[in-house]
PDB file of N, CA and C in Angstrom:
ATOM      1  N   UNK A   1      -7.497  -1.656 -64.844  1.00  0.00           N
ATOM      2  CA  UNK A   1      -8.380  -2.648 -64.310  1.00  0.00           C
ATOM      3  C   UNK A   1      -8.124  -4.000 -64.966  1.00  0.00           C
ATOM      4  N   UNK A   2      -7.858  -3.956 -66.288  1.00  0.00           N
ATOM      5  CA  UNK A   2      -7.594  -5.206 -67.008  1.00  0.00           C
ATOM      6  C   UNK A   2      -6.308  -5.853 -66.515  1.00  0.00           C
ATOM      7  N   UNK A   3      -5.387  -5.007 -66.047  1.00  0.00           N
ATOM      8  CA  UNK A   3      -4.120  -5.538 -65.563  1.00  0.00           C
ATOM      9  C   UNK A   3      -4.339  -6.446 -64.347  1.00  0.00           C
ATOM     10  N   UNK A   4      -5.294  -6.100 -63.513  1.00  0.00           N
ATOM     11  CA  UNK A   4      -5.559  -6.901 -62.313  1.00  0.00           C
ATOM     12  C   UNK A   4      -6.460  -8.097 -62.598  1.00  0.00           C
ATOM     13  N   UNK A   5      -7.322  -7.969 -63.553  1.00  0.00           N
ATOM     14  CA  UNK A   5      -8.274  -9.018 -63.876  1.00  0.00           C
ATOM     15  C   UNK A   5      -7.607 -10.227 -64.509  1.00  0.00           C
ATOM     16  N   UNK A   6      -6.646  -9.998 -65.327  1.00  0.00           N
ATOM     17  CA  UNK A   6      -5.976 -11.111 -66.025  1.00  0.00           C
ATOM     18  C   UNK A   6      -5.232 -12.013 -65.045  1.00  0.00           C
ATOM     19  N   UNK A   7      -4.382 -11.463 -64.107  1.00  0.00           N
ATOM     20  CA  UNK A   7      -3.700 -12.367 -63.174  1.00  0.00           C
ATOM     21  C   UNK A   7      -4.685 -13.104 -62.275  1.00  0.00           C
ATOM     22  N   UNK A   8      -5.790 -12.445 -61.906  1.00  0.00           N
ATOM     23  CA  UNK A   8      -6.775 -13.098 -61.060  1.00  0.00           C
ATOM     24  C   UNK A   8      -7.407 -14.268 -61.786  1.00  0.00           C
ATOM     25  N   UNK A   9      -7.705 -14.099 -63.058  1.00  0.00           N
ATOM     26  CA  UNK A   9      -8.289 -15.192 -63.835  1.00  0.00           C
ATOM     27  C   UNK A   9      -7.304 -16.342 -63.990  1.00  0.00           C
ATOM     28  N   UNK A  10      -6.034 -16.007 -64.200  1.00  0.00           N
ATOM     29  CA  UNK A  10      -5.005 -17.046 -64.339  1.00  0.00           C
ATOM     30  C   UNK A  10      -4.884 -17.814 -63.027  1.00  0.00           C
ATOM     31  N   UNK A  11      -4.898 -17.095 -61.906  1.00  0.00           N
ATOM     32  CA  UNK A  11      -4.788 -17.732 -60.596  1.00  0.00           C
ATOM     33  C   UNK A  11      -5.993 -18.623 -60.324  1.00  0.00           C
ATOM     34  N   UNK A  12      -7.179 -18.137 -60.655  1.00  0.00           N
ATOM     35  CA  UNK A  12      -8.393 -18.929 -60.462  1.00  0.00           C
ATOM     36  C   UNK A  12      -8.356 -20.183 -61.317  1.00  0.00           C
ATOM     37  N   UNK A  13      -7.933 -20.045 -62.512  1.00  0.00           N
ATOM     38  CA  UNK A  13      -7.838 -21.213 -63.400  1.00  0.00           C
ATOM     39  C   UNK A  13      -6.810 -22.189 -62.858  1.00  0.00           C
ATOM     40  N   UNK A  14      -5.697 -21.652 -62.326  1.00  0.00           N
ATOM     41  CA  UNK A  14      -4.660 -22.506 -61.754  1.00  0.00           C
ATOM     42  C   UNK A  14      -5.170 -23.276 -60.553  1.00  0.00           C
ATOM     43  N   UNK A  15      -5.953 -22.639 -59.709  1.00  0.00           N
ATOM     44  CA  UNK A  15      -6.500 -23.312 -58.525  1.00  0.00           C
ATOM     45  C   UNK A  15      -7.528 -24.356 -58.931  1.00  0.00           C
ATOM     46  N   UNK A  16      -8.317 -24.021 -59.935  1.00  0.00           N
ATOM     47  CA  UNK A  16      -9.331 -24.970 -60.399  1.00  0.00           C
ATOM     48  C   UNK A  16      -8.673 -26.211 -60.984  1.00  0.00           C
ATOM     49  N   UNK A  17      -7.496 -26.033 -61.549  1.00  0.00           N
ATOM     50  CA  UNK A  17      -6.800 -27.155 -62.164  1.00  0.00           C
ATOM     51  C   UNK A  17      -6.108 -28.041 -61.137  1.00  0.00           C
ATOM     52  N   UNK A  18      -6.008 -27.572 -59.871  1.00  0.00           N
ATOM     53  CA  UNK A  18      -5.348 -28.363 -58.820  1.00  0.00           C
ATOM     54  C   UNK A  18      -6.128 -29.636 -58.579  1.00  0.00           C
ATOM     55  N   UNK A  19      -5.395 -30.653 -58.231  1.00  0.00           N
ATOM     56  CA  UNK A  19      -6.042 -31.936 -57.953  1.00  0.00           C
ATOM     57  C   UNK A  19      -6.779 -31.872 -56.624  1.00  0.00           C
ATOM     58  N   UNK A  20      -7.663 -32.837 -56.425  1.00  0.00           N
ATOM     59  CA  UNK A  20      -8.369 -32.917 -55.137  1.00  0.00           C
ATOM     60  C   UNK A  20      -7.387 -33.070 -53.989  1.00  0.00           C
ATOM     61  N   UNK A  21      -6.332 -33.832 -54.211  1.00  0.00           N
ATOM     62  CA  UNK A  21      -5.327 -34.046 -53.176  1.00  0.00           C
ATOM     63  C   UNK A  21      -4.676 -32.715 -52.797  1.00  0.00           C
ATOM     64  N   UNK A  22      -4.333 -31.891 -53.776  1.00  0.00           N
ATOM     65  CA  UNK A  22      -3.717 -30.594 -53.511  1.00  0.00           C
ATOM     66  C   UNK A  22      -4.699 -29.673 -52.783  1.00  0.00           C
ATOM     67  N   UNK A  23      -5.952 -29.731 -53.199  1.00  0.00           N
ATOM     68  CA  UNK A  23      -6.960 -28.906 -52.541  1.00  0.00           C
ATOM     69  C   UNK A  23      -7.147 -29.341 -51.086  1.00  0.00           C
ATOM     70  N   UNK A  24      -7.142 -30.661 -50.851  1.00  0.00           N
ATOM     71  CA  UNK A  24      -7.278 -31.158 -49.475  1.00  0.00           C
ATOM     72  C   UNK A  24      -6.087 -30.746 -48.611  1.00  0.00           C
ATOM     73  N   UNK A  25      -4.902 -30.857 -49.187  1.00  0.00           N
ATOM     74  CA  UNK A  25      -3.704 -30.456 -48.430  1.00  0.00           C
ATOM     75  C   UNK A  25      -3.724 -28.968 -48.132  1.00  0.00           C
ATOM     76  N   UNK A  26      -4.189 -28.171 -49.081  1.00  0.00           N
ATOM     77  CA  UNK A  26      -4.308 -26.727 -48.861  1.00  0.00           C
ATOM     78  C   UNK A  26      -5.309 -26.445 -47.744  1.00  0.00           C
ATOM     79  N   UNK A  27      -6.438 -27.152 -47.751  1.00  0.00           N
ATOM     80  CA  UNK A  27      -7.453 -26.969 -46.714  1.00  0.00           C
ATOM     81  C   UNK A  27      -6.903 -27.392 -45.356  1.00  0.00           C
ATOM     82  N   UNK A  28      -6.167 -28.517 -45.313  1.00  0.00           N
ATOM     83  CA  UNK A  28      -5.575 -28.979 -44.057  1.00  0.00           C
ATOM     84  C   UNK A  28      -4.546 -27.978 -43.543  1.00  0.00           C
ATOM     85  N   UNK A  29      -3.754 -27.422 -44.455  1.00  0.00           N
ATOM     86  CA  UNK A  29      -2.768 -26.411 -44.054  1.00  0.00           C
ATOM     87  C   UNK A  29      -3.467 -25.181 -43.486  1.00  0.00           C
ATOM     88  N   UNK A  30      -4.561 -24.779 -44.152  1.00  0.00           N
ATOM     89  CA  UNK A  30      -5.317 -23.623 -43.660  1.00  0.00           C
ATOM     90  C   UNK A  30      -5.894 -23.917 -42.278  1.00  0.00           C
ATOM     91  N   UNK A  31      -6.414 -25.140 -42.093  1.00  0.00           N
ATOM     92  CA  UNK A  31      -6.950 -25.523 -40.781  1.00  0.00           C
ATOM     93  C   UNK A  31      -5.852 -25.538 -39.720  1.00  0.00           C
ATOM     94  N   UNK A  32      -4.665 -26.045 -40.107  1.00  0.00           N
ATOM     95  CA  UNK A  32      -3.542 -26.077 -39.157  1.00  0.00           C
ATOM     96  C   UNK A  32      -3.127 -24.663 -38.772  1.00  0.00           C
ATOM     97  N   UNK A  33      -3.096 -23.762 -39.752  1.00  0.00           N
ATOM     98  CA  UNK A  33      -2.736 -22.367 -39.471  1.00  0.00           C
ATOM     99  C   UNK A  33      -3.770 -21.745 -38.538  1.00  0.00           C
ATOM    100  N   UNK A  34      -5.049 -22.004 -38.811  1.00  0.00           N
ATOM    101  CA  UNK A  34      -6.117 -21.462 -37.958  1.00  0.00           C
ATOM    102  C   UNK A  34      -6.005 -22.020 -36.547  1.00  0.00           C
ATOM    103  N   UNK A  35      -5.716 -23.327 -36.419  1.00  0.00           N
ATOM    104  CA  UNK A  35      -5.571 -23.941 -35.095  1.00  0.00           C
ATOM    105  C   UNK A  35      -4.379 -23.349 -34.365  1.00  0.00           C
ATOM    106  N   UNK A  36      -3.260 -23.153 -35.088  1.00  0.00           N
ATOM    107  CA  UNK A  36      -2.080 -22.540 -34.472  1.00  0.00           C
ATOM    108  C   UNK A  36      -2.382 -21.130 -34.002  1.00  0.00           C
ATOM    109  N   UNK A  37      -3.089 -20.362 -34.825  1.00  0.00           N
ATOM    110  CA  UNK A  37      -3.448 -18.989 -34.448  1.00  0.00           C
ATOM    111  C   UNK A  37      -4.351 -18.999 -33.220  1.00  0.00           C
ATOM    112  N   UNK A  38      -5.294 -19.932 -33.181  1.00  0.00           N
ATOM    113  CA  UNK A  38      -6.189 -20.035 -32.032  1.00  0.00           C
ATOM    114  C   UNK A  38      -5.418 -20.403 -30.766  1.00  0.00           C
ATOM    115  N   UNK A  39      -4.518 -21.379 -30.882  1.00  0.00           N
ATOM    116  CA  UNK A  39      -3.724 -21.792 -29.721  1.00  0.00           C
ATOM    117  C   UNK A  39      -2.837 -20.652 -29.240  1.00  0.00           C
ATOM    118  N   UNK A  40      -2.237 -19.937 -30.173  1.00  0.00           N
ATOM    119  CA  UNK A  40      -1.385 -18.802 -29.805  1.00  0.00           C
ATOM    120  C   UNK A  40      -2.190 -17.735 -29.085  1.00  0.00           C
ATOM    121  N   UNK A  41      -3.384 -17.480 -29.583  1.00  0.00           N
ATOM    122  CA  UNK A  41      -4.254 -16.492 -28.932  1.00  0.00           C
ATOM    123  C   UNK A  41      -4.635 -16.942 -27.531  1.00  0.00           C
ATOM    124  N   UNK A  42      -4.993 -18.220 -27.388  1.00  0.00           N
ATOM    125  CA  UNK A  42      -5.353 -18.736 -26.063  1.00  0.00           C
ATOM    126  C   UNK A  42      -4.172 -18.648 -25.101  1.00  0.00           C
ATOM    127  N   UNK A  43      -2.975 -18.980 -25.579  1.00  0.00           N
ATOM    128  CA  UNK A  43      -1.784 -18.874 -24.733  1.00  0.00           C
ATOM    129  C   UNK A  43      -1.527 -17.430 -24.325  1.00  0.00           C
ATOM    130  N   UNK A  44      -1.712 -16.521 -25.269  1.00  0.00           N
ATOM    131  CA  UNK A  44      -1.501 -15.103 -24.965  1.00  0.00           C
ATOM    132  C   UNK A  44      -2.499 -14.629 -23.915  1.00  0.00           C
ATOM    133  N   UNK A  45      -3.744 -15.040 -24.061  1.00  0.00           N
ATOM    134  CA  UNK A  45      -4.774 -14.663 -23.083  1.00  0.00           C
ATOM    135  C   UNK A  45      -4.428 -15.239 -21.714  1.00  0.00           C
ATOM    136  N   UNK A  46      -3.994 -16.486 -21.677  1.00  0.00           N
ATOM    137  CA  UNK A  46      -3.611 -17.115 -20.406  1.00  0.00           C
ATOM    138  C   UNK A  46      -2.424 -16.391 -19.786  1.00  0.00           C
ATOM    139  N   UNK A  47      -1.452 -16.011 -20.602  1.00  0.00           N
ATOM    140  CA  UNK A  47      -0.288 -15.277 -20.094  1.00  0.00           C
ATOM    141  C   UNK A  47      -0.692 -13.923 -19.514  1.00  0.00           C
ATOM    142  N   UNK A  48      -1.567 -13.230 -20.226  1.00  0.00           N
ATOM    143  CA  UNK A  48      -2.035 -11.923 -19.739  1.00  0.00           C
ATOM    144  C   UNK A  48      -2.817 -12.101 -18.436  1.00  0.00           C
ATOM    145  N   UNK A  49      -3.676 -13.121 -18.364  1.00  0.00           N
ATOM    146  CA  UNK A  49      -4.423 -13.388 -17.134  1.00  0.00           C
ATOM    147  C   UNK A  49      -3.484 -13.671 -15.967  1.00  0.00           C
ATOM    148  N   UNK A  50      -2.473 -14.494 -16.219  1.00  0.00           N
ATOM    149  CA  UNK A  50      -1.520 -14.831 -15.154  1.00  0.00           C
ATOM    150  C   UNK A  50      -0.747 -13.600 -14.709  1.00  0.00           C
ATOM    151  N   UNK A  51      -0.311 -12.788 -15.664  1.00  0.00           N
ATOM    152  CA  UNK A  51       0.418 -11.565 -15.315  1.00  0.00           C
ATOM    153  C   UNK A  51      -0.476 -10.606 -14.537  1.00  0.00           C
ATOM    154  N   UNK A  52      -1.734 -10.516 -14.933  1.00  0.00           N
ATOM    155  CA  UNK A  52      -2.681  -9.651 -14.220  1.00  0.00           C
ATOM    156  C   UNK A  52      -2.886 -10.147 -12.793  1.00  0.00           C
ATOM    157  N   UNK A  53      -3.033 -11.455 -12.641  1.00  0.00           N
ATOM    158  CA  UNK A  53      -3.211 -12.027 -11.303  1.00  0.00           C
ATOM    159  C   UNK A  53      -1.998 -11.749 -10.429  1.00  0.00           C
ATOM    160  N   UNK A  54      -0.801 -11.904 -11.004  1.00  0.00           N
ATOM    161  CA  UNK A  54       0.416 -11.631 -10.229  1.00  0.00           C
ATOM    162  C   UNK A  54       0.491 -10.160  -9.846  1.00  0.00           C
ATOM    163  N   UNK A  55       0.153  -9.278 -10.774  1.00  0.00           N
ATOM    164  CA  UNK A  55       0.212  -7.838 -10.490  1.00  0.00           C
ATOM    165  C   UNK A  55      -0.797  -7.457  -9.414  1.00  0.00           C
ATOM    166  N   UNK A  56      -2.002  -8.006  -9.519  1.00  0.00           N
ATOM    167  CA  UNK A  56      -3.015  -7.706  -8.509  1.00  0.00           C
ATOM    168  C   UNK A  56      -2.624  -8.284  -7.153  1.00  0.00           C
ATOM    169  N   UNK A  57      -2.051  -9.478  -7.157  1.00  0.00           N
ATOM    170  CA  UNK A  57      -1.597 -10.076  -5.899  1.00  0.00           C
ATOM    171  C   UNK A  57      -0.499  -9.249  -5.269  1.00  0.00           C
ATOM    172  N   UNK A  58       0.411  -8.759  -6.083  1.00  0.00           N
ATOM    173  CA  UNK A  58       1.499  -7.926  -5.576  1.00  0.00           C
ATOM    174  C   UNK A  58       0.951  -6.611  -5.026  1.00  0.00           C
ATOM    175  N   UNK A  59       0.009  -6.017  -5.727  1.00  0.00           N
ATOM    176  CA  UNK A  59      -0.597  -4.762  -5.258  1.00  0.00           C
ATOM    177  C   UNK A  59      -1.334  -4.991  -3.942  1.00  0.00           C
ATOM    178  N   UNK A  60      -2.040  -6.107  -3.848  1.00  0.00           N
ATOM    179  CA  UNK A  60      -2.770  -6.421  -2.616  1.00  0.00           C
ATOM    180  C   UNK A  60      -1.797  -6.609  -1.453  1.00  0.00           C
ATOM    181  N   UNK A  61      -0.711  -7.319  -1.702  1.00  0.00           N
ATOM    182  CA  UNK A  61       0.289  -7.528  -0.654  1.00  0.00           C
ATOM    183  C   UNK A  61       0.910  -6.198  -0.227  1.00  0.00           C
ATOM    184  N   UNK A  62       1.166  -5.330  -1.195  1.00  0.00           N
ATOM    185  CA  UNK A  62       1.738  -4.017  -0.874  1.00  0.00           C
ATOM    186  C   UNK A  62       0.776  -3.205  -0.010  1.00  0.00           C
ATOM    187  N   UNK A  63      -0.499  -3.246  -0.354  1.00  0.00           N
ATOM    188  CA  UNK A  63      -1.496  -2.529   0.448  1.00  0.00           C
ATOM    189  C   UNK A  63      -1.602  -3.121   1.853  1.00  0.00           C
ATOM    190  N   UNK A  64      -1.566  -4.451   1.941  1.00  0.00           N
ATOM    191  CA  UNK A  64      -1.611  -5.087   3.261  1.00  0.00           C
ATOM    192  C   UNK A  64      -0.411  -4.680   4.095  1.00  0.00           C
ATOM    193  N   UNK A  65       0.769  -4.678   3.474  1.00  0.00           N
ATOM    194  CA  UNK A  65       1.983  -4.287   4.197  1.00  0.00           C
ATOM    195  C   UNK A  65       1.919  -2.831   4.635  1.00  0.00           C
ATOM    196  N   UNK A  66       1.426  -1.976   3.757  1.00  0.00           N
ATOM    197  CA  UNK A  66       1.308  -0.561   4.113  1.00  0.00           C
ATOM    198  C   UNK A  66       0.330  -0.383   5.270  1.00  0.00           C
ATOM    199  N   UNK A  67      -0.772  -1.113   5.238  1.00  0.00           N
ATOM    200  CA  UNK A  67      -1.737  -1.040   6.340  1.00  0.00           C
ATOM    201  C   UNK A  67      -1.132  -1.510   7.649  1.00  0.00           C
ATOM    202  N   UNK A  68      -0.361  -2.580   7.593  1.00  0.00           N
ATOM    203  CA  UNK A  68       0.291  -3.087   8.810  1.00  0.00           C
ATOM    204  C   UNK A  68       1.289  -2.074   9.344  1.00  0.00           C
ATOM    205  N   UNK A  69       2.046  -1.446   8.440  1.00  0.00           N
ATOM    206  CA  UNK A  69       3.008  -0.428   8.887  1.00  0.00           C
ATOM    207  C   UNK A  69       2.281   0.762   9.513  1.00  0.00           C
ATOM    208  N   UNK A  70       1.151   1.141   8.939  1.00  0.00           N
ATOM    209  CA  UNK A  70       0.382   2.252   9.517  1.00  0.00           C
ATOM    210  C   UNK A  70      -0.155   1.878  10.891  1.00  0.00           C
ATOM    211  N   UNK A  71      -0.623   0.645  11.044  1.00  0.00           N
ATOM    212  CA  UNK A  71      -1.103   0.191  12.350  1.00  0.00           C
ATOM    213  C   UNK A  71       0.020   0.221  13.375  1.00  0.00           C
ATOM    214  N   UNK A  72       1.202  -0.261  12.979  1.00  0.00           N
ATOM    215  CA  UNK A  72       2.347  -0.254  13.887  1.00  0.00           C
ATOM    216  C   UNK A  72       2.735   1.169  14.271  1.00  0.00           C
ATOM    217  N   UNK A  73       2.725   2.055  13.290  1.00  0.00           N
ATOM    218  CA  UNK A  73       3.069   3.451  13.567  1.00  0.00           C
ATOM    219  C   UNK A  73       2.050   4.076  14.527  1.00  0.00           C
ATOM    220  N   UNK A  74       0.782   3.768  14.330  1.00  0.00           N
ATOM    221  CA  UNK A  74      -0.259   4.291  15.225  1.00  0.00           C
ATOM    222  C   UNK A  74      -0.076   3.739  16.637  1.00  0.00           C
ATOM    223  N   UNK A  75       0.275   2.457  16.742  1.00  0.00           N
ATOM    224  CA  UNK A  75       0.521   1.865  18.062  1.00  0.00           C
ATOM    225  C   UNK A  75       1.704   2.543  18.745  1.00  0.00           C
ATOM    226  N   UNK A  76       2.775   2.776  17.992  1.00  0.00           N
ATOM    227  CA  UNK A  76       3.949   3.442  18.572  1.00  0.00           C
ATOM    228  C   UNK A  76       3.595   4.868  18.993  1.00  0.00           C
ATOM    229  N   UNK A  77       2.793   5.551  18.190  1.00  0.00           N
ATOM    230  CA  UNK A  77       2.383   6.909  18.517  1.00  0.00           C
ATOM    231  C   UNK A  77       1.541   6.923  19.785  1.00  0.00           C
ATOM    232  N   UNK A  78       0.622   5.960  19.906  1.00  0.00           N
ATOM    233  CA  UNK A  78      -0.192   5.867  21.124  1.00  0.00           C
ATOM    234  C   UNK A  78       0.680   5.635  22.354  1.00  0.00           C
ATOM    235  N   UNK A  79       1.634   4.720  22.231  1.00  0.00           N
ATOM    236  CA  UNK A  79       2.520   4.423  23.357  1.00  0.00           C
ATOM    237  C   UNK A  79       3.352   5.647  23.720  1.00  0.00           C
ATOM    238  N   UNK A  80       3.827   6.352  22.708  1.00  0.00           N
ATOM    239  CA  UNK A  80       4.622   7.553  22.945  1.00  0.00           C
ATOM    240  C   UNK A  80       3.774   8.633  23.628  1.00  0.00           C
ATOM    241  N   UNK A  81       2.544   8.792  23.175  1.00  0.00           N
ATOM    242  CA  UNK A  81       1.646   9.778  23.792  1.00  0.00           C
ATOM    243  C   UNK A  81       1.347   9.403  25.243  1.00  0.00           C
ATOM    244  N   UNK A  82       1.174   8.101  25.500  1.00  0.00           N
ATOM    245  CA  UNK A  82       0.945   7.654  26.874  1.00  0.00           C
ATOM    246  C   UNK A  82       2.138   7.980  27.760  1.00  0.00           C
ATOM    247  N   UNK A  83       3.348   7.695  27.250  1.00  0.00           N
ATOM    248  CA  UNK A  83       4.553   7.992  28.043  1.00  0.00           C
ATOM    249  C   UNK A  83       4.681   9.494  28.284  1.00  0.00           C
ATOM    250  N   UNK A  84       4.387  10.298  27.261  1.00  0.00           N
ATOM    251  CA  UNK A  84       4.459  11.759  27.422  1.00  0.00           C
ATOM    252  C   UNK A  84       3.443  12.236  28.462  1.00  0.00           C
ATOM    253  N   UNK A  85       2.253  11.660  28.424  1.00  0.00           N
ATOM    254  CA  UNK A  85       1.236  12.019  29.417  1.00  0.00           C
ATOM    255  C   UNK A  85       1.661  11.636  30.821  1.00  0.00           C
ATOM    256  N   UNK A  86       2.268  10.448  30.962  1.00  0.00           N
ATOM    257  CA  UNK A  86       2.742  10.006  32.275  1.00  0.00           C
ATOM    258  C   UNK A  86       3.852  10.922  32.787  1.00  0.00           C
ATOM    259  N   UNK A  87       4.765  11.326  31.890  1.00  0.00           N
ATOM    260  CA  UNK A  87       5.843  12.239  32.298  1.00  0.00           C
ATOM    261  C   UNK A  87       5.273  13.596  32.699  1.00  0.00           C
ATOM    262  N   UNK A  88       4.292  14.090  31.943  1.00  0.00           N
ATOM    263  CA  UNK A  88       3.676  15.373  32.273  1.00  0.00           C
ATOM    264  C   UNK A  88       2.978  15.298  33.631  1.00  0.00           C
ATOM    265  N   UNK A  89       2.300  14.195  33.890  1.00  0.00           N
ATOM    266  CA  UNK A  89       1.617  14.024  35.176  1.00  0.00           C
ATOM    267  C   UNK A  89       2.624  13.969  36.327  1.00  0.00           C
ATOM    268  N   UNK A  90       3.722  13.230  36.104  1.00  0.00           N
ATOM    269  CA  UNK A  90       4.749  13.141  37.145  1.00  0.00           C
ATOM    270  C   UNK A  90       5.379  14.509  37.396  1.00  0.00           C
ATOM    271  N   UNK A  91       5.653  15.265  36.327  1.00  0.00           N
ATOM    272  CA  UNK A  91       6.213  16.612  36.486  1.00  0.00           C
ATOM    273  C   UNK A  91       5.240  17.534  37.204  1.00  0.00           C
ATOM    274  N   UNK A  92       3.953  17.419  36.895  1.00  0.00           N
ATOM    275  CA  UNK A  92       2.943  18.233  37.573  1.00  0.00           C
ATOM    276  C   UNK A  92       2.879  17.872  39.056  1.00  0.00           C
ATOM    277  N   UNK A  93       2.979  16.577  39.356  1.00  0.00           N
ATOM    278  CA  UNK A  93       2.988  16.156  40.766  1.00  0.00           C
ATOM    279  C   UNK A  93       4.197  16.737  41.490  1.00  0.00           C
ATOM    280  N   UNK A  94       5.377  16.686  40.873  1.00  0.00           N
ATOM    281  CA  UNK A  94       6.582  17.240  41.499  1.00  0.00           C
ATOM    282  C   UNK A  94       6.453  18.760  41.670  1.00  0.00           C
ATOM    283  N   UNK A  95       5.892  19.426  40.652  1.00  0.00           N
ATOM    284  CA  UNK A  95       5.708  20.879  40.763  1.00  0.00           C
ATOM    285  C   UNK A  95       4.733  21.211  41.887  1.00  0.00           C
ATOM    286  N   UNK A  96       3.655  20.432  41.978  1.00  0.00           N
ATOM    287  CA  UNK A  96       2.687  20.654  43.065  1.00  0.00           C
ATOM    288  C   UNK A  96       3.328  20.447  44.432  1.00  0.00           C
ATOM    289  N   UNK A  97       4.136  19.399  44.565  1.00  0.00           N
ATOM    290  CA  UNK A  97       4.815  19.128  45.830  1.00  0.00           C
ATOM    291  C   UNK A  97       5.787  20.248  46.156  1.00  0.00           C
ATOM    292  N   UNK A  98       6.514  20.758  45.137  1.00  0.00           N
ATOM    293  CA  UNK A  98       7.454  21.853  45.369  1.00  0.00           C
ATOM    294  C   UNK A  98       6.717  23.111  45.814  1.00  0.00           C
ATOM    295  N   UNK A  99       5.572  23.374  45.226  1.00  0.00           N
ATOM    296  CA  UNK A  99       4.774  24.549  45.618  1.00  0.00           C
ATOM    297  C   UNK A  99       4.285  24.388  47.054  1.00  0.00           C
ATOM    298  N   UNK A 100       3.794  23.192  47.401  1.00  0.00           N
ATOM    299  CA  UNK A 100       3.327  22.955  48.775  1.00  0.00           C
ATOM    300  C   UNK A 100       4.469  23.127  49.769  1.00  0.00           C
ATOM    301  N   UNK A 101       5.640  22.581  49.431  1.00  0.00           N
ATOM    302  CA  UNK A 101       6.799  22.718  50.324  1.00  0.00           C
ATOM    303  C   UNK A 101       7.185  24.183  50.487  1.00  0.00           C
ATOM    304  N   UNK A 102       7.175  24.928  49.387  1.00  0.00           N
ATOM    305  CA  UNK A 102       7.508  26.351  49.456  1.00  0.00           C
ATOM    306  C   UNK A 102       6.485  27.107  50.292  1.00  0.00           C
ATOM    307  N   UNK A 103       5.210  26.784  50.125  1.00  0.00           N
ATOM    308  CA  UNK A 103       4.163  27.442  50.922  1.00  0.00           C
ATOM    309  C   UNK A 103       4.333  27.106  52.404  1.00  0.00           C
ATOM    310  N   UNK A 104       4.672  25.835  52.714  1.00  0.00           N
ATOM    311  CA  UNK A 104       4.903  25.444  54.118  1.00  0.00           C
ATOM    312  C   UNK A 104       6.088  26.209  54.695  1.00  0.00           C
ATOM    313  N   UNK A 105       7.173  26.326  53.936  1.00  0.00           N
ATOM    314  CA  UNK A 105       8.357  27.056  54.433  1.00  0.00           C
ATOM    315  C   UNK A 105       8.036  28.539  54.631  1.00  0.00           C
ATOM    316  N   UNK A 106       7.244  29.096  53.707  1.00  0.00           N
ATOM    317  CA  UNK A 106       6.868  30.504  53.836  1.00  0.00           C
ATOM    318  C   UNK A 106       5.985  30.701  55.071  1.00  0.00           C
ATOM    319  N   UNK A 107       5.062  29.780  55.286  1.00  0.00           N
ATOM    320  CA  UNK A 107       4.192  29.886  56.479  1.00  0.00           C
ATOM    321  C   UNK A 107       5.021  29.748  57.742  1.00  0.00           C
ATOM    322  N   UNK A 108       5.973  28.797  57.747  1.00  0.00           N
ATOM    323  CA  UNK A 108       6.843  28.624  58.922  1.00  0.00           C
ATOM    324  C   UNK A 108       7.675  29.877  59.158  1.00  0.00           C
ATOM    325  N   UNK A 109       8.230  30.460  58.088  1.00  0.00           N
ATOM    326  CA  UNK A 109       9.047  31.671  58.240  1.00  0.00           C
ATOM    327  C   UNK A 109       8.202  32.822  58.765  1.00  0.00           C
ATOM    328  N   UNK A 110       6.989  32.937  58.247  1.00  0.00           N
ATOM    329  CA  UNK A 110       6.095  33.999  58.698  1.00  0.00           C
ATOM    330  C   UNK A 110       5.741  33.792  60.172  1.00  0.00           C
ATOM    331  N   UNK A 111       5.426  32.537  60.523  1.00  0.00           N
ATOM    332  CA  UNK A 111       5.101  32.245  61.926  1.00  0.00           C
ATOM    333  C   UNK A 111       6.273  32.544  62.847  1.00  0.00           C
ATOM    334  N   UNK A 112       7.475  32.171  62.434  1.00  0.00           N
ATOM    335  CA  UNK A 112       8.662  32.445  63.242  1.00  0.00           C
ATOM    336  C   UNK A 112       8.894  33.941  63.400  1.00  0.00           C
ATOM    337  N   UNK A 113       8.681  34.697  62.321  1.00  0.00           N
ATOM    338  CA  UNK A 113       8.850  36.145  62.373  1.00  0.00           C
ATOM    339  C   UNK A 113       7.837  36.764  63.322  1.00  0.00           C
ATOM    340  N   UNK A 114       6.587  36.294  63.237  1.00  0.00           N
ATOM    341  CA  UNK A 114       5.545  36.826  64.129  1.00  0.00           C
ATOM    342  C   UNK A 114       5.844  36.465  65.590  1.00  0.00           C
ATOM    343  N   UNK A 115       6.368  35.251  65.796  1.00  0.00           N
ATOM    344  CA  UNK A 115       6.710  34.842  67.159  1.00  0.00           C
ATOM    345  C   UNK A 115       7.827  35.726  67.705  1.00  0.00           C
ATOM    346  N   UNK A 116       8.843  35.991  66.910  1.00  0.00           N
ATOM    347  CA  UNK A 116       9.936  36.846  67.351  1.00  0.00           C
ATOM    348  C   UNK A 116       9.434  38.267  67.602  1.00  0.00           C
ATOM    349  N   UNK A 117       8.526  38.729  66.724  1.00  0.00           N
ATOM    350  CA  UNK A 117       7.991  40.082  66.936  1.00  0.00           C
ATOM    351  C   UNK A 117       7.184  40.127  68.211  1.00  0.00           C
ATOM    352  N   UNK A 118       6.415  39.083  68.489  1.00  0.00           N
ATOM    353  CA  UNK A 118       5.619  39.047  69.722  1.00  0.00           C
ATOM    354  C   UNK A 118       6.525  38.985  70.933  1.00  0.00           C
ATOM    355  N   UNK A 119       7.590  38.232  70.833  1.00  0.00           N
ATOM    356  CA  UNK A 119       8.527  38.131  71.943  1.00  0.00           C
ATOM    357  C   UNK A 119       9.217  39.465  72.181  1.00  0.00           C
ATOM    358  N   UNK A 120       9.511  40.184  71.107  1.00  0.00           N
ATOM    359  CA  UNK A 120      10.165  41.476  71.241  1.00  0.00           C
ATOM    360  C   UNK A 120       9.246  42.483  71.880  1.00  0.00           C
ATOM    361  N   UNK A 121       7.964  42.403  71.628  1.00  0.00           N
ATOM    362  CA  UNK A 121       6.988  43.332  72.206  1.00  0.00           C
ATOM    363  C   UNK A 121       6.832  43.021  73.691  1.00  0.00           C
ATOM    364  N   UNK A 122       6.874  41.758  74.090  1.00  0.00           N
ATOM    365  CA  UNK A 122       6.730  41.368  75.500  1.00  0.00           C
ATOM    366  C   UNK A 122       7.893  41.910  76.315  1.00  0.00           C
ATOM    367  N   UNK A 123       8.988  42.002  75.822  1.00  0.00           N
ATOM    368  CA  UNK A 123      10.189  42.406  76.590  1.00  0.00           C
ATOM    369  C   UNK A 123      10.201  43.842  76.803  1.00  0.00           C
TER     370      UNK A 123
END
């Protein structure tokens, strides 16, 4: 303990012996260091704020772009579904027409057969 007390007393005595001018310069240096530390901290805070703003802006833009791409994809899907529905309707119309034509031909064939059978019975 005495080992630490002696240098501290010598240092205190040395500081007390400093002139007012030296003490003022020491105080000014301490103030300058404190001001520099404060300015550095403020700059660091400003840099972090700016980086945060840029990151948030980039994230927002990415989300906006993703939303726009999803909207476009949904629009394309709707258009594709509409075209598929139109093709299905057209195919159903053609199938219906083919069935009607086949039924008409079958009725005509049946009628012709009955007419020939009736003619054969008359003879």
